[in-house]
């Protein structure tokens, strides 16, 4: 009986810590969680960037379609790279945006605000349009440029290019 009590008293004063096996298991779990979370973060960034690209395409297509019906005063897309925004306007008054038929608000886009609020952090890097930042369409719905128009947008360390073909006017996201 004395021996048992002596053993208990020896073990009760020992400071318990984690065993090597317990530590390794915790580290393995943390590595697995990191392996799942890190790629998901990248796919969220890519999805946000692609959504912004699709929004730019939809707005350009709207301006193009609207120009088909208004040959006397076609719709233009005015890019403002320093403010990370663009607007749809009439050729006769490119400073004043047209009214968005869905929201009833001025047809302006700035990533991170209003309809584009979910695209916070997306940046318009560059717009290659001859003669400034104004993209015009004729009554056939084709842009007035002699070259393909490229609009580069980025988010974090990723970027994509919205490409408008000069010959047929097709708007796509370039690989």
Protein backbone atom coordinates (compact mmCIF):
# COMPACT_ATOMS: atom_id res chain seq x y z
CA UNK A 1 0.00 0.00 0.00
CA UNK A 2 2.85 2.38 0.79
CA UNK A 3 4.41 1.71 -2.59
CA UNK A 4 1.20 2.69 -4.47
CA UNK A 5 0.92 5.97 -2.59
CA UNK A 6 4.56 6.76 -3.32
CA UNK A 7 4.01 6.17 -7.06
CA UNK A 8 0.95 8.43 -7.07
CA UNK A 9 2.78 11.21 -5.32
CA UNK A 10 5.68 10.98 -7.77
CA UNK A 11 3.38 11.16 -10.81
CA UNK A 12 1.11 13.86 -9.42
CA UNK A 13 4.02 16.30 -9.15
CA UNK A 14 5.23 15.66 -12.72
CA UNK A 15 4.40 18.45 -15.17
CA UNK A 16 2.49 17.06 -18.14
CA UNK A 17 3.15 18.32 -21.67
CA UNK A 18 2.26 17.22 -25.18
CA UNK A 19 3.83 14.09 -26.52
CA UNK A 20 5.68 14.07 -29.79
CA UNK A 21 2.82 12.17 -31.45
CA UNK A 22 0.24 14.74 -30.29
CA UNK A 23 2.36 17.58 -31.60
CA UNK A 24 2.84 15.90 -34.98
CA UNK A 25 -0.92 15.26 -35.30
CA UNK A 26 -1.70 18.93 -34.62
CA UNK A 27 0.89 20.04 -37.19
CA UNK A 28 -0.52 17.65 -39.82
CA UNK A 29 -4.04 19.01 -39.22
CA UNK A 30 -2.79 22.61 -39.59
CA UNK A 31 -1.01 21.76 -42.85
CA UNK A 32 -4.17 20.12 -44.23
CA UNK A 33 -6.26 23.18 -43.33
CA UNK A 34 -3.72 25.52 -44.95
CA UNK A 35 -3.66 23.34 -48.09
CA UNK A 36 -7.43 23.75 -48.37
CA UNK A 37 -7.72 27.46 -47.52
CA UNK A 38 -4.85 28.92 -49.58
CA UNK A 39 -6.08 27.67 -53.00
CA UNK A 40 -9.61 28.78 -52.15
CA UNK A 41 -8.34 32.31 -51.57
CA UNK A 42 -6.76 32.30 -55.02
CA UNK A 43 -9.93 31.07 -56.67
CA UNK A 44 -11.94 33.82 -54.94
CA UNK A 45 -9.56 36.43 -56.35
CA UNK A 46 -9.79 34.89 -59.81
CA UNK A 47 -13.59 34.75 -59.62
CA UNK A 48 -13.75 38.43 -58.62
CA UNK A 49 -11.49 39.38 -61.53
CA UNK A 50 -13.49 37.32 -64.02
CA UNK A 51 -16.75 38.84 -62.77
CA UNK A 52 -15.30 42.31 -63.36
CA UNK A 53 -14.25 41.25 -66.88
CA UNK A 54 -17.77 39.98 -67.62
CA UNK A 55 -19.23 43.27 -66.34
CA UNK A 56 -16.98 45.29 -68.65
CA UNK A 57 -17.98 43.03 -71.57
CA UNK A 58 -21.70 43.38 -70.78
CA UNK A 59 -21.43 47.17 -70.62
CA UNK A 60 -19.48 47.36 -73.89
CA UNK A 61 -22.04 45.08 -75.55
CA UNK A 62 -24.84 47.30 -74.24
CA UNK A 63 -23.15 50.42 -75.65
CA UNK A 64 -22.60 48.65 -78.95
CA UNK A 65 -26.21 47.47 -79.18
CA UNK A 66 -27.55 50.88 -78.21
CA UNK A 67 -25.45 52.44 -80.99
CA UNK A 68 -27.20 50.27 -83.58
CA UNK A 69 -30.48 52.04 -82.93
CA UNK A 70 -29.09 55.55 -82.61
CA UNK A 71 -26.82 56.17 -85.58
CA UNK A 72 -27.21 59.95 -85.27
CA UNK A 73 -25.82 59.99 -81.72
CA UNK A 74 -24.20 56.64 -80.89
CA UNK A 75 -23.24 55.45 -77.44
CA UNK A 76 -19.62 55.68 -76.32
CA UNK A 77 -17.67 54.15 -73.46
CA UNK A 78 -15.46 56.65 -71.66
CA UNK A 79 -12.69 55.10 -69.55
CA UNK A 80 -11.08 57.01 -66.71
CA UNK A 81 -8.08 54.94 -65.61
CA UNK A 82 -6.90 57.30 -62.80
CA UNK A 83 -10.29 57.03 -61.03
CA UNK A 84 -10.64 53.33 -61.90
CA UNK A 85 -13.99 53.93 -63.58
CA UNK A 86 -15.84 54.16 -66.86
CA UNK A 87 -19.19 55.46 -68.05
CA UNK A 88 -21.53 55.06 -70.99
CA UNK A 89 -22.49 58.33 -72.63
CA UNK A 90 -23.69 59.74 -75.92
CA UNK A 91 -21.15 60.80 -78.52
CA UNK A 92 -22.59 64.34 -78.50
CA UNK A 93 -21.94 64.70 -74.75
CA UNK A 94 -19.34 62.18 -73.49
CA UNK A 95 -18.99 63.93 -70.11
CA UNK A 96 -22.54 63.10 -69.03
CA UNK A 97 -23.44 59.43 -68.54
CA UNK A 98 -26.63 58.05 -70.03
CA UNK A 99 -29.28 56.64 -67.68
CA UNK A 100 -28.92 52.97 -66.84
CA UNK A 101 -32.23 51.41 -67.97
CA UNK A 102 -32.20 48.92 -65.08
CA UNK A 103 -31.27 51.08 -62.09
CA UNK A 104 -32.42 54.47 -63.39
CA UNK A 105 -29.09 55.88 -62.18
CA UNK A 106 -26.28 57.37 -64.30
CA UNK A 107 -24.51 54.59 -66.23
CA UNK A 108 -21.17 54.79 -64.43
CA UNK A 109 -19.04 51.96 -63.09
CA UNK A 110 -16.35 52.16 -60.47
CA UNK A 111 -15.08 48.87 -59.12
CA UNK A 112 -15.84 48.64 -55.41
CA UNK A 113 -18.87 50.97 -55.53
CA UNK A 114 -22.60 50.68 -56.26
CA UNK A 115 -23.41 47.85 -58.70
CA UNK A 116 -19.72 46.87 -58.78
CA UNK A 117 -19.32 46.87 -54.97
CA UNK A 118 -18.48 43.17 -54.92
CA UNK A 119 -15.46 43.85 -57.11
CA UNK A 120 -13.57 45.94 -54.58
CA UNK A 121 -9.86 45.82 -55.33
CA UNK A 122 -10.24 45.34 -59.09
CA UNK A 123 -8.23 47.96 -60.98
CA UNK A 124 -8.39 49.18 -64.57
CA UNK A 125 -4.70 49.05 -65.44
CA UNK A 126 -4.77 50.29 -69.02
CA UNK A 127 -6.97 50.96 -72.01
CA UNK A 128 -5.43 51.04 -75.46
CA UNK A 129 -7.72 53.22 -77.51
CA UNK A 130 -6.31 55.47 -80.22
CA UNK A 131 -7.03 59.09 -79.42
CA UNK A 132 -7.61 58.87 -75.68
CA UNK A 133 -9.92 56.91 -73.45
CA UNK A 134 -13.09 57.10 -75.59
CA UNK A 135 -14.44 54.00 -77.30
CA UNK A 136 -16.95 54.86 -80.02
CA UNK A 137 -19.24 52.65 -82.08
CA UNK A 138 -20.70 53.27 -85.50
CA UNK A 139 -24.25 52.51 -86.72
CA UNK A 140 -23.12 48.94 -87.58
CA UNK A 141 -22.05 48.39 -83.96
CA UNK A 142 -18.34 48.28 -84.76
CA UNK A 143 -15.80 50.36 -82.86
CA UNK A 144 -13.97 53.14 -84.64
CA UNK A 145 -10.45 51.88 -83.93
CA UNK A 146 -7.90 50.68 -86.49
CA UNK A 147 -6.55 48.20 -83.96
CA UNK A 148 -8.01 45.68 -81.53
CA UNK A 149 -9.01 47.43 -78.32
CA UNK A 150 -7.54 46.01 -75.11
CA UNK A 151 -8.71 46.82 -71.61
CA UNK A 152 -6.46 45.35 -68.92
CA UNK A 153 -7.91 44.88 -65.46
CA UNK A 154 -6.23 43.36 -62.44
CA UNK A 155 -6.87 42.16 -58.94
CA UNK A 156 -4.05 41.46 -56.54
CA UNK A 157 -1.38 39.61 -58.57
CA UNK A 158 -3.74 38.48 -61.36
CA UNK A 159 -4.84 40.27 -64.50
CA UNK A 160 -6.89 39.73 -67.62
CA UNK A 161 -7.50 41.56 -70.87
CA UNK A 162 -10.89 42.35 -72.37
CA UNK A 163 -10.32 42.29 -76.12
CA UNK A 164 -12.55 43.91 -78.76
CA UNK A 165 -11.83 42.58 -82.23
CA UNK A 166 -11.51 45.43 -84.76
CA UNK A 167 -12.93 43.49 -87.69
CA UNK A 168 -16.07 41.89 -86.27
CA UNK A 169 -16.46 43.70 -82.96
CA UNK A 170 -16.51 40.53 -80.87
CA UNK A 171 -15.77 41.22 -77.20
CA UNK A 172 -13.92 38.47 -75.32
CA UNK A 173 -11.59 37.86 -72.42
CA UNK A 174 -8.15 37.13 -73.85
CA UNK A 175 -6.24 34.20 -72.37
